[in-house]
Amino acid sequence: MNRDCPRTRVTVDSSIVRLYSFCSWSAWRLVQQLMESGGTGNHLVEKKRMKLVKPHSVEAAIRTLSQQERQKVFAWFTHLANWENDPHTREMSKPSVDNDVYVLNTSDDIRIFFKLDLEMKEITVLDIAKPSRFATAGRASE
C-alpha cells in the first residue's frame, strides 16, 4: 500500500546513514523505527544523536508543506540530529551572520534555519523556508 511516500534507498557509508527517495510505506516506516531506536547491528551505525527542538512556529510552518515536502523535512531533521556524525550535513550547512545560527541549504528547495548548541548537544530549528516562494511573494503584493 503506497501512501504517497517518496521512494527511498538507505545506505550506510562510514557510519553515516544517507536517506534517498523512499520506495514503499513499509520501508519508510522501518527506517523511521531504526532511526528512532538508534539502530542495531548492520542496519544502522549511529552514535548518540543531538536533541532536536522544534518550536510551535516551526511545527506550524511544516503543516503548510505538502506531504512529500514534510517527509523530506523530517529526513533532513534526522540528518541534523546526527550532526556530529554526519559530515555531509555539516558541509551543506552554512553559518549566518548571527552567532551559532546556521542555514541548511537542502537539495529540495527548502532552507532550514537552526541554532547549534554543541555544549548542550542541542539543535533548535528556528524556521524553514522555500526560496522558490520568495520570487512569487513580491509579485503577489503588486
N, C-alpha and C. Protein backbone atom coordinates (compact mmCIF):
# COMPACT_ATOMS: atom_id res chain seq x y z
N MET A 1 0.85 -1.18 0.00
CA MET A 1 0.00 0.00 0.00
C MET A 1 0.89 1.24 0.00
N ASN A 2 0.73 2.08 -0.99
CA ASN A 2 1.54 3.29 -1.11
C ASN A 2 0.72 4.46 -0.59
N ARG A 3 1.22 5.13 0.41
CA ARG A 3 0.54 6.30 0.98
C ARG A 3 1.21 7.58 0.53
N ASP A 4 1.48 7.69 -0.74
CA ASP A 4 2.16 8.86 -1.30
C ASP A 4 3.51 9.12 -0.65
N CYS A 5 4.18 8.07 -0.26
CA CYS A 5 5.51 8.21 0.32
C CYS A 5 6.52 8.39 -0.79
N PRO A 6 7.54 9.17 -0.53
CA PRO A 6 8.59 9.27 -1.54
C PRO A 6 9.34 7.94 -1.60
N ARG A 7 10.04 7.69 -2.65
CA ARG A 7 10.83 6.46 -2.79
C ARG A 7 12.17 6.63 -2.11
N THR A 8 12.72 5.52 -1.57
CA THR A 8 14.00 5.67 -0.87
C THR A 8 14.96 4.53 -1.02
N ARG A 9 16.14 4.86 -0.68
CA ARG A 9 17.21 3.89 -0.60
C ARG A 9 18.04 4.33 0.59
N VAL A 10 18.41 3.40 1.44
CA VAL A 10 19.21 3.73 2.62
C VAL A 10 20.58 3.11 2.43
N THR A 11 21.60 3.91 2.60
CA THR A 11 22.96 3.39 2.52
C THR A 11 23.71 3.80 3.77
N VAL A 12 24.62 2.94 4.19
CA VAL A 12 25.46 3.25 5.35
C VAL A 12 26.87 3.43 4.81
N ASP A 13 27.41 4.62 5.01
CA ASP A 13 28.73 4.95 4.50
C ASP A 13 29.56 5.49 5.66
N SER A 14 30.51 4.72 6.11
CA SER A 14 31.38 5.08 7.23
C SER A 14 30.58 5.68 8.38
N SER A 15 29.63 4.92 8.85
CA SER A 15 28.74 5.22 9.98
C SER A 15 27.85 6.44 9.75
N ILE A 16 27.57 6.75 8.50
CA ILE A 16 26.65 7.83 8.18
C ILE A 16 25.49 7.22 7.41
N VAL A 17 24.31 7.48 7.87
CA VAL A 17 23.14 6.97 7.17
C VAL A 17 22.67 8.04 6.20
N ARG A 18 22.50 7.67 4.97
CA ARG A 18 22.00 8.59 3.96
C ARG A 18 20.65 8.10 3.51
N LEU A 19 19.68 8.97 3.55
CA LEU A 19 18.33 8.63 3.10
C LEU A 19 18.13 9.22 1.72
N TYR A 20 17.73 8.40 0.81
CA TYR A 20 17.40 8.85 -0.53
C TYR A 20 15.90 8.61 -0.71
N SER A 21 15.35 8.83 -1.85
CA SER A 21 13.92 8.72 -2.01
C SER A 21 13.38 7.36 -1.58
N PHE A 22 12.19 7.33 -1.00
CA PHE A 22 11.65 6.11 -0.42
C PHE A 22 10.80 5.32 -1.40
N CYS A 23 10.86 3.96 -1.29
CA CYS A 23 10.19 3.08 -2.24
C CYS A 23 8.84 2.57 -1.76
N SER A 24 8.64 2.43 -0.49
CA SER A 24 7.36 1.92 -0.01
C SER A 24 7.11 2.42 1.40
N TRP A 25 5.86 2.39 1.79
CA TRP A 25 5.49 2.84 3.12
C TRP A 25 6.16 1.98 4.18
N SER A 26 6.20 0.67 3.98
CA SER A 26 6.80 -0.21 4.98
C SER A 26 8.30 0.05 5.11
N ALA A 27 8.98 0.31 3.99
CA ALA A 27 10.42 0.63 4.05
C ALA A 27 10.63 1.94 4.79
N TRP A 28 9.80 2.93 4.50
CA TRP A 28 9.89 4.23 5.17
C TRP A 28 9.68 4.07 6.66
N ARG A 29 8.68 3.31 7.07
CA ARG A 29 8.38 3.10 8.48
C ARG A 29 9.53 2.37 9.17
N LEU A 30 10.11 1.37 8.50
CA LEU A 30 11.23 0.62 9.06
C LEU A 30 12.40 1.56 9.31
N VAL A 31 12.71 2.42 8.37
CA VAL A 31 13.81 3.36 8.53
C VAL A 31 13.52 4.30 9.69
N GLN A 32 12.29 4.79 9.79
CA GLN A 32 11.93 5.67 10.90
C GLN A 32 12.13 4.97 12.24
N GLN A 33 11.68 3.73 12.33
CA GLN A 33 11.82 2.99 13.59
C GLN A 33 13.28 2.76 13.92
N LEU A 34 14.09 2.43 12.93
CA LEU A 34 15.51 2.23 13.17
C LEU A 34 16.17 3.52 13.64
N MET A 35 15.81 4.63 13.00
CA MET A 35 16.40 5.91 13.38
C MET A 35 15.99 6.28 14.81
N GLU A 36 14.72 6.05 15.16
CA GLU A 36 14.24 6.39 16.50
C GLU A 36 14.90 5.54 17.56
N SER A 37 15.15 4.27 17.24
CA SER A 37 15.73 3.37 18.23
C SER A 37 17.25 3.44 18.28
N GLY A 38 17.85 4.16 17.33
CA GLY A 38 19.30 4.24 17.29
C GLY A 38 19.92 3.13 16.47
N GLY A 39 19.09 2.26 15.94
CA GLY A 39 19.57 1.21 15.05
C GLY A 39 20.25 0.08 15.79
N THR A 40 20.33 -1.05 15.14
CA THR A 40 21.01 -2.22 15.71
C THR A 40 21.76 -2.93 14.62
N GLY A 41 22.79 -3.64 15.00
CA GLY A 41 23.53 -4.48 14.06
C GLY A 41 23.98 -3.73 12.83
N ASN A 42 23.81 -4.35 11.69
CA ASN A 42 24.25 -3.76 10.43
C ASN A 42 23.22 -2.80 9.85
N HIS A 43 22.05 -2.73 10.45
CA HIS A 43 21.01 -1.86 9.90
C HIS A 43 21.42 -0.40 9.95
N LEU A 44 22.01 -0.01 11.06
CA LEU A 44 22.30 1.39 11.26
C LEU A 44 23.48 1.51 12.21
N VAL A 45 24.45 2.27 11.83
CA VAL A 45 25.58 2.51 12.70
C VAL A 45 25.52 4.00 13.02
N GLU A 46 25.17 4.30 14.24
CA GLU A 46 24.97 5.70 14.58
C GLU A 46 25.34 5.94 16.03
N LYS A 47 26.06 7.01 16.28
CA LYS A 47 26.38 7.39 17.64
C LYS A 47 25.20 8.17 18.20
N LYS A 48 25.30 8.54 19.44
CA LYS A 48 24.21 9.27 20.08
C LYS A 48 23.91 10.55 19.31
N ARG A 49 22.64 10.78 19.08
CA ARG A 49 22.23 11.96 18.32
C ARG A 49 22.00 13.15 19.25
N MET A 50 22.01 14.32 18.65
CA MET A 50 21.74 15.54 19.39
C MET A 50 20.23 15.71 19.56
N LYS A 51 19.85 16.45 20.58
CA LYS A 51 18.43 16.74 20.79
C LYS A 51 18.00 17.77 19.76
N LEU A 52 16.87 17.54 19.10
CA LEU A 52 16.35 18.45 18.10
C LEU A 52 15.08 19.10 18.64
N VAL A 53 15.10 20.41 18.77
CA VAL A 53 13.96 21.16 19.32
C VAL A 53 13.26 21.88 18.17
N LYS A 54 11.93 21.70 18.08
CA LYS A 54 11.13 22.38 17.06
C LYS A 54 10.04 23.20 17.76
N PRO A 55 10.18 24.52 17.77
CA PRO A 55 9.14 25.36 18.38
C PRO A 55 7.81 25.23 17.64
N HIS A 56 6.75 25.71 18.27
CA HIS A 56 5.41 25.63 17.66
C HIS A 56 5.35 26.33 16.32
N SER A 57 6.09 27.43 16.17
CA SER A 57 6.08 28.17 14.89
C SER A 57 6.64 27.30 13.76
N VAL A 58 7.64 26.49 14.06
CA VAL A 58 8.20 25.60 13.04
C VAL A 58 7.21 24.48 12.72
N GLU A 59 6.57 23.94 13.76
CA GLU A 59 5.55 22.90 13.53
C GLU A 59 4.44 23.45 12.63
N ALA A 60 4.05 24.71 12.85
CA ALA A 60 3.02 25.33 12.02
C ALA A 60 3.50 25.49 10.58
N ALA A 61 4.75 25.89 10.41
CA ALA A 61 5.31 26.05 9.07
C ALA A 61 5.37 24.70 8.34
N ILE A 62 5.69 23.65 9.07
CA ILE A 62 5.75 22.31 8.47
C ILE A 62 4.37 21.89 7.97
N ARG A 63 3.33 22.25 8.70
CA ARG A 63 1.97 21.88 8.30
C ARG A 63 1.54 22.55 7.00
N THR A 64 2.21 23.63 6.59
CA THR A 64 1.86 24.29 5.33
C THR A 64 2.46 23.58 4.12
N LEU A 65 3.37 22.63 4.36
CA LEU A 65 4.03 21.91 3.27
C LEU A 65 3.18 20.73 2.80
N SER A 66 3.46 20.27 1.60
CA SER A 66 2.80 19.06 1.11
C SER A 66 3.32 17.86 1.88
N GLN A 67 2.63 16.73 1.77
CA GLN A 67 3.05 15.51 2.46
C GLN A 67 4.48 15.13 2.06
N GLN A 68 4.77 15.20 0.77
CA GLN A 68 6.10 14.84 0.28
C GLN A 68 7.17 15.79 0.84
N GLU A 69 6.87 17.08 0.88
CA GLU A 69 7.83 18.05 1.42
C GLU A 69 8.04 17.82 2.92
N ARG A 70 6.96 17.50 3.65
CA ARG A 70 7.09 17.23 5.08
C ARG A 70 8.01 16.04 5.32
N GLN A 71 7.85 14.99 4.53
CA GLN A 71 8.70 13.81 4.70
C GLN A 71 10.17 14.15 4.44
N LYS A 72 10.41 14.99 3.46
CA LYS A 72 11.79 15.41 3.18
C LYS A 72 12.34 16.23 4.34
N VAL A 73 11.53 17.13 4.88
CA VAL A 73 11.97 17.95 6.02
C VAL A 73 12.29 17.05 7.22
N PHE A 74 11.44 16.06 7.49
CA PHE A 74 11.70 15.16 8.61
C PHE A 74 12.98 14.36 8.39
N ALA A 75 13.25 13.98 7.15
CA ALA A 75 14.51 13.28 6.85
C ALA A 75 15.70 14.19 7.12
N TRP A 76 15.58 15.48 6.73
CA TRP A 76 16.66 16.43 7.00
C TRP A 76 16.81 16.66 8.50
N PHE A 77 15.70 16.66 9.25
CA PHE A 77 15.78 16.79 10.70
C PHE A 77 16.58 15.63 11.29
N THR A 78 16.40 14.44 10.74
CA THR A 78 17.15 13.27 11.20
C THR A 78 18.64 13.48 10.95
N HIS A 79 18.96 14.01 9.79
CA HIS A 79 20.36 14.31 9.49
C HIS A 79 20.91 15.35 10.47
N LEU A 80 20.11 16.37 10.77
CA LEU A 80 20.56 17.40 11.72
C LEU A 80 20.81 16.80 13.10
N ALA A 81 19.92 15.94 13.55
CA ALA A 81 20.08 15.32 14.86
C ALA A 81 21.36 14.49 14.92
N ASN A 82 21.82 14.04 13.78
CA ASN A 82 23.05 13.26 13.69
C ASN A 82 24.24 14.16 13.30
N TRP A 83 24.17 15.42 13.66
CA TRP A 83 25.13 16.46 13.28
C TRP A 83 26.58 16.05 13.49
N GLU A 84 26.89 15.53 14.65
CA GLU A 84 28.28 15.21 14.98
C GLU A 84 28.83 14.06 14.14
N ASN A 85 27.96 13.21 13.60
CA ASN A 85 28.39 12.04 12.84
C ASN A 85 28.16 12.17 11.35
N ASP A 86 27.65 13.32 10.91
CA ASP A 86 27.25 13.47 9.51
C ASP A 86 28.00 14.64 8.86
N PRO A 87 29.17 14.38 8.30
CA PRO A 87 29.94 15.48 7.69
C PRO A 87 29.24 16.09 6.48
N HIS A 88 28.41 15.32 5.78
CA HIS A 88 27.69 15.85 4.62
C HIS A 88 26.72 16.96 5.05
N THR A 89 26.01 16.75 6.14
CA THR A 89 25.08 17.77 6.64
C THR A 89 25.85 18.99 7.14
N ARG A 90 26.95 18.77 7.82
CA ARG A 90 27.77 19.90 8.28
C ARG A 90 28.31 20.69 7.10
N GLU A 91 28.68 19.99 6.04
CA GLU A 91 29.20 20.63 4.83
C GLU A 91 28.13 21.47 4.14
N MET A 92 26.90 20.98 4.14
CA MET A 92 25.81 21.69 3.47
C MET A 92 25.29 22.87 4.30
N SER A 93 25.60 22.90 5.58
CA SER A 93 25.13 23.96 6.47
C SER A 93 26.13 25.10 6.50
N LYS A 94 25.62 26.30 6.36
CA LYS A 94 26.48 27.49 6.34
C LYS A 94 26.13 28.38 7.53
N PRO A 95 27.15 28.95 8.19
CA PRO A 95 26.85 29.87 9.30
C PRO A 95 26.23 31.16 8.77
N SER A 96 25.36 31.73 9.57
CA SER A 96 24.74 33.01 9.20
C SER A 96 25.46 34.13 9.94
N VAL A 97 24.93 35.33 9.84
CA VAL A 97 25.53 36.49 10.50
C VAL A 97 25.43 36.36 12.02
N ASP A 98 24.33 35.77 12.50
CA ASP A 98 24.13 35.60 13.95
C ASP A 98 25.02 34.49 14.50
N ASN A 99 25.40 34.63 15.76
CA ASN A 99 26.23 33.61 16.42
C ASN A 99 25.48 32.29 16.51
N ASP A 100 26.14 31.22 16.18
CA ASP A 100 25.64 29.85 16.30
C ASP A 100 24.37 29.57 15.51
N VAL A 101 24.01 30.43 14.56
CA VAL A 101 22.83 30.18 13.72
C VAL A 101 23.33 29.76 12.34
N TYR A 102 22.78 28.67 11.86
CA TYR A 102 23.18 28.09 10.58
C TYR A 102 21.99 27.98 9.65
N VAL A 103 22.29 27.86 8.36
CA VAL A 103 21.27 27.61 7.35
C VAL A 103 21.66 26.32 6.62
N LEU A 104 20.76 25.37 6.63
CA LEU A 104 20.96 24.13 5.88
C LEU A 104 20.27 24.30 4.54
N ASN A 105 21.07 24.44 3.49
CA ASN A 105 20.54 24.57 2.13
C ASN A 105 20.34 23.17 1.57
N THR A 106 19.14 22.66 1.68
CA THR A 106 18.88 21.30 1.23
C THR A 106 18.83 21.25 -0.29
N SER A 107 18.84 20.06 -0.81
CA SER A 107 18.73 19.87 -2.26
C SER A 107 17.28 19.87 -2.70
N ASP A 108 16.36 20.15 -1.79
CA ASP A 108 14.92 20.05 -2.07
C ASP A 108 14.20 21.39 -2.05
N ASP A 109 14.88 22.49 -2.38
CA ASP A 109 14.28 23.82 -2.37
C ASP A 109 13.71 24.18 -0.99
N ILE A 110 14.36 23.71 0.04
CA ILE A 110 13.94 24.03 1.40
C ILE A 110 15.18 24.48 2.17
N ARG A 111 15.04 25.56 2.93
CA ARG A 111 16.12 26.04 3.78
C ARG A 111 15.68 25.83 5.23
N ILE A 112 16.57 25.28 6.02
CA ILE A 112 16.29 25.06 7.44
C ILE A 112 17.25 25.93 8.24
N PHE A 113 16.70 26.85 9.01
CA PHE A 113 17.49 27.74 9.85
C PHE A 113 17.50 27.14 11.26
N PHE A 114 18.69 27.01 11.84
CA PHE A 114 18.76 26.39 13.16
C PHE A 114 19.90 26.97 13.98
N LYS A 115 19.75 26.84 15.28
CA LYS A 115 20.77 27.29 16.23
C LYS A 115 21.46 26.04 16.77
N LEU A 116 22.77 26.08 16.77
CA LEU A 116 23.57 24.94 17.19
C LEU A 116 24.18 25.22 18.56
N ASP A 117 23.90 24.35 19.52
CA ASP A 117 24.49 24.47 20.86
C ASP A 117 25.24 23.17 21.14
N LEU A 118 26.53 23.17 20.84
CA LEU A 118 27.33 21.95 20.99
C LEU A 118 27.51 21.56 22.46
N GLU A 119 27.58 22.55 23.35
CA GLU A 119 27.74 22.25 24.78
C GLU A 119 26.55 21.46 25.31
N MET A 120 25.36 21.88 24.95
CA MET A 120 24.14 21.22 25.42
C MET A 120 23.74 20.05 24.50
N LYS A 121 24.49 19.89 23.40
CA LYS A 121 24.17 18.87 22.40
C LYS A 121 22.72 19.00 21.95
N GLU A 122 22.40 20.24 21.52
CA GLU A 122 21.03 20.56 21.14
C GLU A 122 21.01 21.41 19.87
N ILE A 123 20.08 21.09 19.00
CA ILE A 123 19.84 21.89 17.80
C ILE A 123 18.41 22.39 17.89
N THR A 124 18.25 23.71 17.79
CA THR A 124 16.93 24.32 17.80
C THR A 124 16.62 24.81 16.40
N VAL A 125 15.59 24.25 15.80
CA VAL A 125 15.17 24.69 14.47
C VAL A 125 14.43 26.00 14.65
N LEU A 126 14.89 27.04 13.98
CA LEU A 126 14.30 28.36 14.12
C LEU A 126 13.22 28.63 13.08
N ASP A 127 13.43 28.11 11.86
CA ASP A 127 12.47 28.36 10.79
C ASP A 127 12.80 27.46 9.61
N ILE A 128 11.81 27.28 8.75
CA ILE A 128 12.04 26.62 7.46
C ILE A 128 11.47 27.55 6.39
N ALA A 129 12.07 27.52 5.23
CA ALA A 129 11.62 28.42 4.15
C ALA A 129 11.85 27.75 2.80
N LYS A 130 11.03 28.15 1.83
CA LYS A 130 11.19 27.69 0.45
C LYS A 130 11.55 28.89 -0.40
N PRO A 131 12.80 29.01 -0.85
CA PRO A 131 13.22 30.16 -1.65
C PRO A 131 12.38 30.36 -2.90
N SER A 132 11.85 29.31 -3.48
CA SER A 132 11.03 29.46 -4.69
C SER A 132 9.77 30.28 -4.40
N ARG A 133 9.33 30.31 -3.17
CA ARG A 133 8.14 31.11 -2.82
C ARG A 133 8.47 32.59 -2.69
N PHE A 134 9.76 32.90 -2.46
CA PHE A 134 10.15 34.31 -2.34
C PHE A 134 9.93 35.07 -3.64
N ALA A 135 10.17 34.43 -4.75
CA ALA A 135 10.03 35.07 -6.06
C ALA A 135 8.59 35.46 -6.34
N THR A 136 7.65 34.61 -5.92
CA THR A 136 6.24 34.90 -6.17
C THR A 136 5.65 35.84 -5.13
N ALA A 137 6.28 35.97 -3.97
CA ALA A 137 5.74 36.83 -2.91
C ALA A 137 5.73 38.29 -3.34
N GLY A 138 6.78 38.75 -4.02
CA GLY A 138 6.84 40.13 -4.48
C GLY A 138 5.79 40.42 -5.52
N ARG A 139 5.56 39.49 -6.43
CA ARG A 139 4.57 39.68 -7.49
C ARG A 139 3.15 39.69 -6.92
N ALA A 140 2.92 38.90 -5.86
CA ALA A 140 1.58 38.83 -5.27
C ALA A 140 1.17 40.15 -4.63
N SER A 141 2.17 40.91 -4.15
CA SER A 141 1.84 42.17 -3.47
C SER A 141 1.70 43.33 -4.44
N GLU A 142 2.00 43.12 -5.73
CA GLU A 142 1.90 44.22 -6.70
C GLU A 142 0.47 44.47 -7.13
